[in-house]
């Protein structure tokens, strides 16, 4: 069972929703190359609201992800695609199925 996760809430700038969805699809492809990332989800929560949820077996995998190519791409595109400031939540998974 993966024990660690990240949850990042994303608010698309008006008119940028399709660009955000394309960015998330690109992120999923990039995550396939990360050995320490167990699962990676790009989610559409509601109108203009998106998120990323990903899981890791250990802190090393999570740290590698936070310092990896997806995180760099997210920060590079932040002001173009998203409103507000990044809110990256480190989560410990206590149960799963």
PDB file of N, CA and C in Angstrom:
ATOM      1  N   UNK A   1       0.837  -1.187   0.000  1.00  0.00           N
ATOM      2  CA  UNK A   1       0.000   0.000   0.000  1.00  0.00           C
ATOM      3  C   UNK A   1       0.878   1.245   0.000  1.00  0.00           C
ATOM      4  N   UNK A   2       0.562   2.167  -0.881  1.00  0.00           N
ATOM      5  CA  UNK A   2       1.243   3.465  -0.865  1.00  0.00           C
ATOM      6  C   UNK A   2       0.892   4.170   0.444  1.00  0.00           C
ATOM      7  N   UNK A   3       1.871   4.774   1.062  1.00  0.00           N
ATOM      8  CA  UNK A   3       1.651   5.406   2.368  1.00  0.00           C
ATOM      9  C   UNK A   3       1.654   6.927   2.324  1.00  0.00           C
ATOM     10  N   UNK A   4       2.121   7.489   1.224  1.00  0.00           N
ATOM     11  CA  UNK A   4       2.259   8.934   1.138  1.00  0.00           C
ATOM     12  C   UNK A   4       1.551   9.450  -0.100  1.00  0.00           C
ATOM     13  N   UNK A   5       1.062  10.682  -0.025  1.00  0.00           N
ATOM     14  CA  UNK A   5       0.341  11.263  -1.160  1.00  0.00           C
ATOM     15  C   UNK A   5       0.547  12.769  -1.184  1.00  0.00           C
ATOM     16  N   UNK A   6       0.146  13.334  -2.305  1.00  0.00           N
ATOM     17  CA  UNK A   6       0.076  14.783  -2.471  1.00  0.00           C
ATOM     18  C   UNK A   6      -1.293  15.119  -3.032  1.00  0.00           C
ATOM     19  N   UNK A   7      -1.845  16.236  -2.578  1.00  0.00           N
ATOM     20  CA  UNK A   7      -3.090  16.766  -3.138  1.00  0.00           C
ATOM     21  C   UNK A   7      -2.842  18.240  -3.437  1.00  0.00           C
ATOM     22  N   UNK A   8      -3.061  18.616  -4.693  1.00  0.00           N
ATOM     23  CA  UNK A   8      -2.859  20.001  -5.114  1.00  0.00           C
ATOM     24  C   UNK A   8      -4.153  20.499  -5.744  1.00  0.00           C
ATOM     25  N   UNK A   9      -4.753  21.510  -5.149  1.00  0.00           N
ATOM     26  CA  UNK A   9      -5.971  22.119  -5.683  1.00  0.00           C
ATOM     27  C   UNK A   9      -5.585  23.181  -6.708  1.00  0.00           C
ATOM     28  N   UNK A  10      -6.276  23.187  -7.846  1.00  0.00           N
ATOM     29  CA  UNK A  10      -5.955  24.092  -8.944  1.00  0.00           C
ATOM     30  C   UNK A  10      -7.202  24.845  -9.383  1.00  0.00           C
ATOM     31  N   UNK A  11      -7.118  26.154  -9.503  1.00  0.00           N
ATOM     32  CA  UNK A  11      -8.215  26.982 -10.006  1.00  0.00           C
ATOM     33  C   UNK A  11      -7.765  27.566 -11.328  1.00  0.00           C
ATOM     34  N   UNK A  12      -8.423  27.130 -12.409  1.00  0.00           N
ATOM     35  CA  UNK A  12      -8.054  27.609 -13.740  1.00  0.00           C
ATOM     36  C   UNK A  12      -8.437  29.072 -13.909  1.00  0.00           C
ATOM     37  N   UNK A  13      -7.598  29.808 -14.613  1.00  0.00           N
ATOM     38  CA  UNK A  13      -7.980  31.164 -15.003  1.00  0.00           C
ATOM     39  C   UNK A  13      -9.142  31.050 -15.990  1.00  0.00           C
ATOM     40  N   UNK A  14     -10.058  32.012 -15.988  1.00  0.00           N
ATOM     41  CA  UNK A  14     -11.185  31.963 -16.924  1.00  0.00           C
ATOM     42  C   UNK A  14     -10.702  31.808 -18.368  1.00  0.00           C
ATOM     43  N   UNK A  15     -11.323  30.883 -19.076  1.00  0.00           N
ATOM     44  CA  UNK A  15     -10.969  30.627 -20.464  1.00  0.00           C
ATOM     45  C   UNK A  15      -9.783  29.693 -20.646  1.00  0.00           C
ATOM     46  N   UNK A  16      -9.157  29.257 -19.561  1.00  0.00           N
ATOM     47  CA  UNK A  16      -7.972  28.395 -19.648  1.00  0.00           C
ATOM     48  C   UNK A  16      -8.271  26.931 -19.317  1.00  0.00           C
ATOM     49  N   UNK A  17      -9.545  26.585 -19.177  1.00  0.00           N
ATOM     50  CA  UNK A  17      -9.911  25.236 -18.754  1.00  0.00           C
ATOM     51  C   UNK A  17      -9.371  24.148 -19.691  1.00  0.00           C
ATOM     52  N   UNK A  18      -9.496  24.337 -20.974  1.00  0.00           N
ATOM     53  CA  UNK A  18      -9.004  23.328 -21.928  1.00  0.00           C
ATOM     54  C   UNK A  18      -7.480  23.212 -21.857  1.00  0.00           C
ATOM     55  N   UNK A  19      -6.808  24.336 -21.648  1.00  0.00           N
ATOM     56  CA  UNK A  19      -5.352  24.309 -21.506  1.00  0.00           C
ATOM     57  C   UNK A  19      -4.951  23.559 -20.237  1.00  0.00           C
ATOM     58  N   UNK A  20      -5.706  23.750 -19.156  1.00  0.00           N
ATOM     59  CA  UNK A  20      -5.430  23.040 -17.910  1.00  0.00           C
ATOM     60  C   UNK A  20      -5.617  21.541 -18.122  1.00  0.00           C
ATOM     61  N   UNK A  21      -6.687  21.152 -18.792  1.00  0.00           N
ATOM     62  CA  UNK A  21      -6.921  19.730 -19.033  1.00  0.00           C
ATOM     63  C   UNK A  21      -5.811  19.124 -19.890  1.00  0.00           C
ATOM     64  N   UNK A  22      -5.348  19.842 -20.884  1.00  0.00           N
ATOM     65  CA  UNK A  22      -4.232  19.365 -21.706  1.00  0.00           C
ATOM     66  C   UNK A  22      -2.964  19.244 -20.863  1.00  0.00           C
ATOM     67  N   UNK A  23      -2.745  20.208 -19.983  1.00  0.00           N
ATOM     68  CA  UNK A  23      -1.581  20.178 -19.096  1.00  0.00           C
ATOM     69  C   UNK A  23      -1.646  18.959 -18.180  1.00  0.00           C
ATOM     70  N   UNK A  24      -2.821  18.667 -17.638  1.00  0.00           N
ATOM     71  CA  UNK A  24      -2.977  17.507 -16.759  1.00  0.00           C
ATOM     72  C   UNK A  24      -2.728  16.203 -17.515  1.00  0.00           C
ATOM     73  N   UNK A  25      -3.188  16.115 -18.734  1.00  0.00           N
ATOM     74  CA  UNK A  25      -2.942  14.909 -19.539  1.00  0.00           C
ATOM     75  C   UNK A  25      -1.447  14.734 -19.798  1.00  0.00           C
ATOM     76  N   UNK A  26      -0.766  15.836 -20.048  1.00  0.00           N
ATOM     77  CA  UNK A  26       0.690  15.793 -20.229  1.00  0.00           C
ATOM     78  C   UNK A  26       1.362  15.343 -18.929  1.00  0.00           C
ATOM     79  N   UNK A  27       0.867  15.837 -17.802  1.00  0.00           N
ATOM     80  CA  UNK A  27       1.416  15.442 -16.504  1.00  0.00           C
ATOM     81  C   UNK A  27       1.281  13.951 -16.255  1.00  0.00           C
ATOM     82  N   UNK A  28       0.157  13.372 -16.654  1.00  0.00           N
ATOM     83  CA  UNK A  28      -0.039  11.932 -16.486  1.00  0.00           C
ATOM     84  C   UNK A  28       1.005  11.150 -17.277  1.00  0.00           C
ATOM     85  N   UNK A  29       1.298  11.602 -18.469  1.00  0.00           N
ATOM     86  CA  UNK A  29       2.319  10.943 -19.282  1.00  0.00           C
ATOM     87  C   UNK A  29       3.700  11.082 -18.645  1.00  0.00           C
ATOM     88  N   UNK A  30       3.984  12.253 -18.120  1.00  0.00           N
ATOM     89  CA  UNK A  30       5.274  12.476 -17.463  1.00  0.00           C
ATOM     90  C   UNK A  30       5.414  11.602 -16.216  1.00  0.00           C
ATOM     91  N   UNK A  31       4.317  11.414 -15.479  1.00  0.00           N
ATOM     92  CA  UNK A  31       4.347  10.631 -14.242  1.00  0.00           C
ATOM     93  C   UNK A  31       4.694   9.169 -14.509  1.00  0.00           C
ATOM     94  N   UNK A  32       4.362   8.675 -15.701  1.00  0.00           N
ATOM     95  CA  UNK A  32       4.680   7.284 -16.039  1.00  0.00           C
ATOM     96  C   UNK A  32       6.179   7.023 -16.014  1.00  0.00           C
ATOM     97  N   UNK A  33       6.984   8.065 -16.151  1.00  0.00           N
ATOM     98  CA  UNK A  33       8.436   7.938 -16.168  1.00  0.00           C
ATOM     99  C   UNK A  33       9.056   8.042 -14.775  1.00  0.00           C
ATOM    100  N   UNK A  34       8.257   8.352 -13.769  1.00  0.00           N
ATOM    101  CA  UNK A  34       8.764   8.522 -12.406  1.00  0.00           C
ATOM    102  C   UNK A  34       8.672   7.200 -11.649  1.00  0.00           C
ATOM    103  N   UNK A  35       9.801   6.612 -11.371  1.00  0.00           N
ATOM    104  CA  UNK A  35       9.828   5.317 -10.694  1.00  0.00           C
ATOM    105  C   UNK A  35       9.178   5.357  -9.309  1.00  0.00           C
ATOM    106  N   UNK A  36       9.293   6.475  -8.604  1.00  0.00           N
ATOM    107  CA  UNK A  36       8.768   6.566  -7.249  1.00  0.00           C
ATOM    108  C   UNK A  36       7.308   6.951  -7.145  1.00  0.00           C
ATOM    109  N   UNK A  37       6.674   7.279  -8.266  1.00  0.00           N
ATOM    110  CA  UNK A  37       5.260   7.649  -8.246  1.00  0.00           C
ATOM    111  C   UNK A  37       4.426   6.406  -8.501  1.00  0.00           C
ATOM    112  N   UNK A  38       3.607   6.014  -7.508  1.00  0.00           N
ATOM    113  CA  UNK A  38       2.766   4.818  -7.619  1.00  0.00           C
ATOM    114  C   UNK A  38       1.550   5.111  -8.486  1.00  0.00           C
ATOM    115  N   UNK A  39       0.861   6.199  -8.193  1.00  0.00           N
ATOM    116  CA  UNK A  39      -0.314   6.588  -8.985  1.00  0.00           C
ATOM    117  C   UNK A  39      -0.359   8.103  -9.094  1.00  0.00           C
ATOM    118  N   UNK A  40      -0.970   8.571 -10.172  1.00  0.00           N
ATOM    119  CA  UNK A  40      -1.064  10.008 -10.435  1.00  0.00           C
ATOM    120  C   UNK A  40      -2.404  10.269 -11.102  1.00  0.00           C
ATOM    121  N   UNK A  41      -3.181  11.188 -10.533  1.00  0.00           N
ATOM    122  CA  UNK A  41      -4.513  11.499 -11.059  1.00  0.00           C
ATOM    123  C   UNK A  41      -4.646  13.002 -11.288  1.00  0.00           C
ATOM    124  N   UNK A  42      -5.081  13.386 -12.467  1.00  0.00           N
ATOM    125  CA  UNK A  42      -5.487  14.756 -12.750  1.00  0.00           C
ATOM    126  C   UNK A  42      -7.004  14.778 -12.728  1.00  0.00           C
ATOM    127  N   UNK A  43      -7.594  15.591 -11.877  1.00  0.00           N
ATOM    128  CA  UNK A  43      -9.041  15.560 -11.634  1.00  0.00           C
ATOM    129  C   UNK A  43      -9.730  16.872 -12.008  1.00  0.00           C
ATOM    130  N   UNK A  44     -10.939  16.758 -12.545  1.00  0.00           N
ATOM    131  CA  UNK A  44     -11.808  17.917 -12.770  1.00  0.00           C
ATOM    132  C   UNK A  44     -12.883  17.837 -11.692  1.00  0.00           C
ATOM    133  N   UNK A  45     -12.859  18.772 -10.764  1.00  0.00           N
ATOM    134  CA  UNK A  45     -13.759  18.727  -9.615  1.00  0.00           C
ATOM    135  C   UNK A  45     -15.080  19.430  -9.891  1.00  0.00           C
ATOM    136  N   UNK A  46     -15.011  20.618 -10.434  1.00  0.00           N
ATOM    137  CA  UNK A  46     -16.202  21.397 -10.771  1.00  0.00           C
ATOM    138  C   UNK A  46     -15.777  22.489 -11.747  1.00  0.00           C
ATOM    139  N   UNK A  47     -16.701  23.306 -12.167  1.00  0.00           N
ATOM    140  CA  UNK A  47     -16.408  24.334 -13.169  1.00  0.00           C
ATOM    141  C   UNK A  47     -15.184  25.164 -12.774  1.00  0.00           C
ATOM    142  N   UNK A  48     -14.105  25.021 -13.551  1.00  0.00           N
ATOM    143  CA  UNK A  48     -12.887  25.787 -13.314  1.00  0.00           C
ATOM    144  C   UNK A  48     -11.993  25.267 -12.206  1.00  0.00           C
ATOM    145  N   UNK A  49     -12.423  24.228 -11.512  1.00  0.00           N
ATOM    146  CA  UNK A  49     -11.649  23.682 -10.387  1.00  0.00           C
ATOM    147  C   UNK A  49     -11.116  22.298 -10.746  1.00  0.00           C
ATOM    148  N   UNK A  50      -9.814  22.157 -10.578  1.00  0.00           N
ATOM    149  CA  UNK A  50      -9.116  20.916 -10.885  1.00  0.00           C
ATOM    150  C   UNK A  50      -8.221  20.566  -9.705  1.00  0.00           C
ATOM    151  N   UNK A  51      -7.666  19.368  -9.743  1.00  0.00           N
ATOM    152  CA  UNK A  51      -6.693  18.994  -8.721  1.00  0.00           C
ATOM    153  C   UNK A  51      -5.820  17.872  -9.245  1.00  0.00           C
ATOM    154  N   UNK A  52      -4.734  17.652  -8.518  1.00  0.00           N
ATOM    155  CA  UNK A  52      -3.846  16.530  -8.760  1.00  0.00           C
ATOM    156  C   UNK A  52      -3.737  15.760  -7.454  1.00  0.00           C
ATOM    157  N   UNK A  53      -3.852  14.445  -7.560  1.00  0.00           N
ATOM    158  CA  UNK A  53      -3.667  13.559  -6.407  1.00  0.00           C
ATOM    159  C   UNK A  53      -2.718  12.454  -6.850  1.00  0.00           C
ATOM    160  N   UNK A  54      -1.634  12.283  -6.119  1.00  0.00           N
ATOM    161  CA  UNK A  54      -0.683  11.241  -6.472  1.00  0.00           C
ATOM    162  C   UNK A  54      -0.178  10.547  -5.223  1.00  0.00           C
ATOM    163  N   UNK A  55       0.275   9.299  -5.399  1.00  0.00           N
ATOM    164  CA  UNK A  55       0.685   8.482  -4.260  1.00  0.00           C
ATOM    165  C   UNK A  55       2.097   7.947  -4.443  1.00  0.00           C
ATOM    166  N   UNK A  56       2.712   7.618  -3.283  1.00  0.00           N
ATOM    167  CA  UNK A  56       4.110   7.199  -3.245  1.00  0.00           C
ATOM    168  C   UNK A  56       4.296   6.169  -2.132  1.00  0.00           C
ATOM    169  N   UNK A  57       5.247   5.269  -2.313  1.00  0.00           N
ATOM    170  CA  UNK A  57       5.527   4.270  -1.278  1.00  0.00           C
ATOM    171  C   UNK A  57       6.343   4.836  -0.129  1.00  0.00           C
ATOM    172  N   UNK A  58       7.115   5.889  -0.410  1.00  0.00           N
ATOM    173  CA  UNK A  58       7.989   6.425   0.626  1.00  0.00           C
ATOM    174  C   UNK A  58       8.217   7.921   0.405  1.00  0.00           C
ATOM    175  N   UNK A  59       8.824   8.527   1.406  1.00  0.00           N
ATOM    176  CA  UNK A  59       9.119   9.970   1.341  1.00  0.00           C
ATOM    177  C   UNK A  59      10.095  10.285   0.207  1.00  0.00           C
ATOM    178  N   UNK A  60      11.011   9.370  -0.063  1.00  0.00           N
ATOM    179  CA  UNK A  60      11.992   9.611  -1.120  1.00  0.00           C
ATOM    180  C   UNK A  60      11.299   9.761  -2.473  1.00  0.00           C
ATOM    181  N   UNK A  61      10.310   8.921  -2.744  1.00  0.00           N
ATOM    182  CA  UNK A  61       9.555   9.026  -3.993  1.00  0.00           C
ATOM    183  C   UNK A  61       8.777  10.315  -4.073  1.00  0.00           C
ATOM    184  N   UNK A  62       8.169  10.705  -2.955  1.00  0.00           N
ATOM    185  CA  UNK A  62       7.407  11.956  -2.926  1.00  0.00           C
ATOM    186  C   UNK A  62       8.338  13.152  -3.111  1.00  0.00           C
ATOM    187  N   UNK A  63       9.475  13.139  -2.428  1.00  0.00           N
ATOM    188  CA  UNK A  63      10.433  14.239  -2.563  1.00  0.00           C
ATOM    189  C   UNK A  63      10.980  14.330  -3.985  1.00  0.00           C
ATOM    190  N   UNK A  64      11.260  13.174  -4.599  1.00  0.00           N
ATOM    191  CA  UNK A  64      11.754  13.176  -5.976  1.00  0.00           C
ATOM    192  C   UNK A  64      10.713  13.782  -6.903  1.00  0.00           C
ATOM    193  N   UNK A  65       9.449  13.460  -6.675  1.00  0.00           N
ATOM    194  CA  UNK A  65       8.365  14.020  -7.485  1.00  0.00           C
ATOM    195  C   UNK A  65       8.273  15.539  -7.293  1.00  0.00           C
ATOM    196  N   UNK A  66       8.339  15.990  -6.056  1.00  0.00           N
ATOM    197  CA  UNK A  66       8.244  17.424  -5.764  1.00  0.00           C
ATOM    198  C   UNK A  66       9.401  18.214  -6.372  1.00  0.00           C
ATOM    199  N   UNK A  67      10.497  17.552  -6.633  1.00  0.00           N
ATOM    200  CA  UNK A  67      11.660  18.205  -7.235  1.00  0.00           C
ATOM    201  C   UNK A  67      11.852  17.810  -8.699  1.00  0.00           C
ATOM    202  N   UNK A  68      10.853  17.126  -9.270  1.00  0.00           N
ATOM    203  CA  UNK A  68      10.981  16.594 -10.610  1.00  0.00           C
ATOM    204  C   UNK A  68      10.399  17.475 -11.702  1.00  0.00           C
ATOM    205  N   UNK A  69      10.292  16.886 -12.878  1.00  0.00           N
ATOM    206  CA  UNK A  69       9.882  17.609 -14.082  1.00  0.00           C
ATOM    207  C   UNK A  69       8.436  18.098 -14.037  1.00  0.00           C
ATOM    208  N   UNK A  70       7.534  17.328 -13.451  1.00  0.00           N
ATOM    209  CA  UNK A  70       6.127  17.765 -13.395  1.00  0.00           C
ATOM    210  C   UNK A  70       6.005  19.009 -12.524  1.00  0.00           C
ATOM    211  N   UNK A  71       6.654  18.994 -11.374  1.00  0.00           N
ATOM    212  CA  UNK A  71       6.600  20.160 -10.481  1.00  0.00           C
ATOM    213  C   UNK A  71       7.208  21.386 -11.152  1.00  0.00           C
ATOM    214  N   UNK A  72       8.298  21.197 -11.871  1.00  0.00           N
ATOM    215  CA  UNK A  72       8.925  22.318 -12.584  1.00  0.00           C
ATOM    216  C   UNK A  72       7.990  22.862 -13.659  1.00  0.00           C
ATOM    217  N   UNK A  73       7.326  21.964 -14.387  1.00  0.00           N
ATOM    218  CA  UNK A  73       6.385  22.391 -15.432  1.00  0.00           C
ATOM    219  C   UNK A  73       5.197  23.127 -14.820  1.00  0.00           C
ATOM    220  N   UNK A  74       4.700  22.631 -13.686  1.00  0.00           N
ATOM    221  CA  UNK A  74       3.581  23.284 -13.015  1.00  0.00           C
ATOM    222  C   UNK A  74       3.944  24.710 -12.607  1.00  0.00           C
ATOM    223  N   UNK A  75       5.096  24.878 -12.014  1.00  0.00           N
ATOM    224  CA  UNK A  75       5.513  26.219 -11.588  1.00  0.00           C
ATOM    225  C   UNK A  75       5.750  27.136 -12.792  1.00  0.00           C
ATOM    226  N   UNK A  76       6.269  26.584 -13.875  1.00  0.00           N
ATOM    227  CA  UNK A  76       6.523  27.394 -15.075  1.00  0.00           C
ATOM    228  C   UNK A  76       5.217  27.875 -15.710  1.00  0.00           C
ATOM    229  N   UNK A  77       4.153  27.088 -15.604  1.00  0.00           N
ATOM    230  CA  UNK A  77       2.873  27.424 -16.229  1.00  0.00           C
ATOM    231  C   UNK A  77       1.886  28.076 -15.260  1.00  0.00           C
ATOM    232  N   UNK A  78       2.260  28.168 -13.989  1.00  0.00           N
ATOM    233  CA  UNK A  78       1.301  28.597 -12.974  1.00  0.00           C
ATOM    234  C   UNK A  78       0.638  29.930 -13.322  1.00  0.00           C
ATOM    235  N   UNK A  79       1.404  30.965 -13.545  1.00  0.00           N
ATOM    236  CA  UNK A  79       0.820  32.297 -13.757  1.00  0.00           C
ATOM    237  C   UNK A  79       0.009  32.375 -15.049  1.00  0.00           C
ATOM    238  N   UNK A  80       0.309  31.528 -16.010  1.00  0.00           N
ATOM    239  CA  UNK A  80      -0.439  31.513 -17.268  1.00  0.00           C
ATOM    240  C   UNK A  80      -1.788  30.800 -17.136  1.00  0.00           C
ATOM    241  N   UNK A  81      -1.822  29.702 -16.370  1.00  0.00           N
ATOM    242  CA  UNK A  81      -3.004  28.845 -16.337  1.00  0.00           C
ATOM    243  C   UNK A  81      -3.867  28.951 -15.082  1.00  0.00           C
ATOM    244  N   UNK A  82      -3.254  29.317 -13.948  1.00  0.00           N
ATOM    245  CA  UNK A  82      -3.950  29.177 -12.673  1.00  0.00           C
ATOM    246  C   UNK A  82      -4.051  30.479 -11.893  1.00  0.00           C
ATOM    247  N   UNK A  83      -5.085  30.550 -11.059  1.00  0.00           N
ATOM    248  CA  UNK A  83      -5.283  31.677 -10.146  1.00  0.00           C
ATOM    249  C   UNK A  83      -4.746  31.312  -8.767  1.00  0.00           C
ATOM    250  N   UNK A  84      -4.417  32.330  -7.978  1.00  0.00           N
ATOM    251  CA  UNK A  84      -3.982  32.115  -6.602  1.00  0.00           C
ATOM    252  C   UNK A  84      -2.579  31.563  -6.516  1.00  0.00           C
ATOM    253  N   UNK A  85      -2.267  31.039  -5.346  1.00  0.00           N
ATOM    254  CA  UNK A  85      -0.952  30.475  -5.069  1.00  0.00           C
ATOM    255  C   UNK A  85      -1.057  28.958  -4.978  1.00  0.00           C
ATOM    256  N   UNK A  86       0.011  28.243  -5.331  1.00  0.00           N
ATOM    257  CA  UNK A  86      -0.024  26.782  -5.212  1.00  0.00           C
ATOM    258  C   UNK A  86      -0.220  26.353  -3.758  1.00  0.00           C
ATOM    259  N   UNK A  87      -1.114  25.419  -3.537  1.00  0.00           N
ATOM    260  CA  UNK A  87      -1.344  24.826  -2.223  1.00  0.00           C
ATOM    261  C   UNK A  87      -1.074  23.336  -2.344  1.00  0.00           C
ATOM    262  N   UNK A  88       0.119  22.929  -1.958  1.00  0.00           N
ATOM    263  CA  UNK A  88       0.515  21.531  -2.060  1.00  0.00           C
ATOM    264  C   UNK A  88       0.377  20.905  -0.684  1.00  0.00           C
ATOM    265  N   UNK A  89      -0.513  19.927  -0.577  1.00  0.00           N
ATOM    266  CA  UNK A  89      -0.796  19.264   0.691  1.00  0.00           C
ATOM    267  C   UNK A  89      -0.124  17.897   0.726  1.00  0.00           C
ATOM    268  N   UNK A  90       0.761  17.706   1.696  1.00  0.00           N
ATOM    269  CA  UNK A  90       1.387  16.401   1.909  1.00  0.00           C
ATOM    270  C   UNK A  90       0.457  15.583   2.800  1.00  0.00           C
ATOM    271  N   UNK A  91       0.142  14.399   2.338  1.00  0.00           N
ATOM    272  CA  UNK A  91      -0.854  13.549   3.015  1.00  0.00           C
ATOM    273  C   UNK A  91      -0.213  12.209   3.370  1.00  0.00           C
ATOM    274  N   UNK A  92      -0.595  11.663   4.525  1.00  0.00           N
ATOM    275  CA  UNK A  92      -0.245  10.303   4.891  1.00  0.00           C
ATOM    276  C   UNK A  92      -1.495   9.455   4.754  1.00  0.00           C
ATOM    277  N   UNK A  93      -1.414   8.383   4.001  1.00  0.00           N
ATOM    278  CA  UNK A  93      -2.556   7.496   3.788  1.00  0.00           C
ATOM    279  C   UNK A  93      -2.647   6.530   4.961  1.00  0.00           C
ATOM    280  N   UNK A  94      -3.806   6.450   5.593  1.00  0.00           N
ATOM    281  CA  UNK A  94      -3.977   5.576   6.742  1.00  0.00           C
ATOM    282  C   UNK A  94      -4.764   4.311   6.404  1.00  0.00           C
ATOM    283  N   UNK A  95      -5.489   4.298   5.271  1.00  0.00           N
ATOM    284  CA  UNK A  95      -6.242   3.112   4.863  1.00  0.00           C
ATOM    285  C   UNK A  95      -6.529   3.204   3.368  1.00  0.00           C
ATOM    286  N   UNK A  96      -6.638   2.056   2.740  1.00  0.00           N
ATOM    287  CA  UNK A  96      -7.035   2.028   1.340  1.00  0.00           C
ATOM    288  C   UNK A  96      -7.675   0.680   1.021  1.00  0.00           C
ATOM    289  N   UNK A  97      -8.143   0.550  -0.182  1.00  0.00           N
ATOM    290  CA  UNK A  97      -8.736  -0.704  -0.635  1.00  0.00           C
ATOM    291  C   UNK A  97      -8.053  -1.106  -1.919  1.00  0.00           C
TER     292      UNK A  97
END
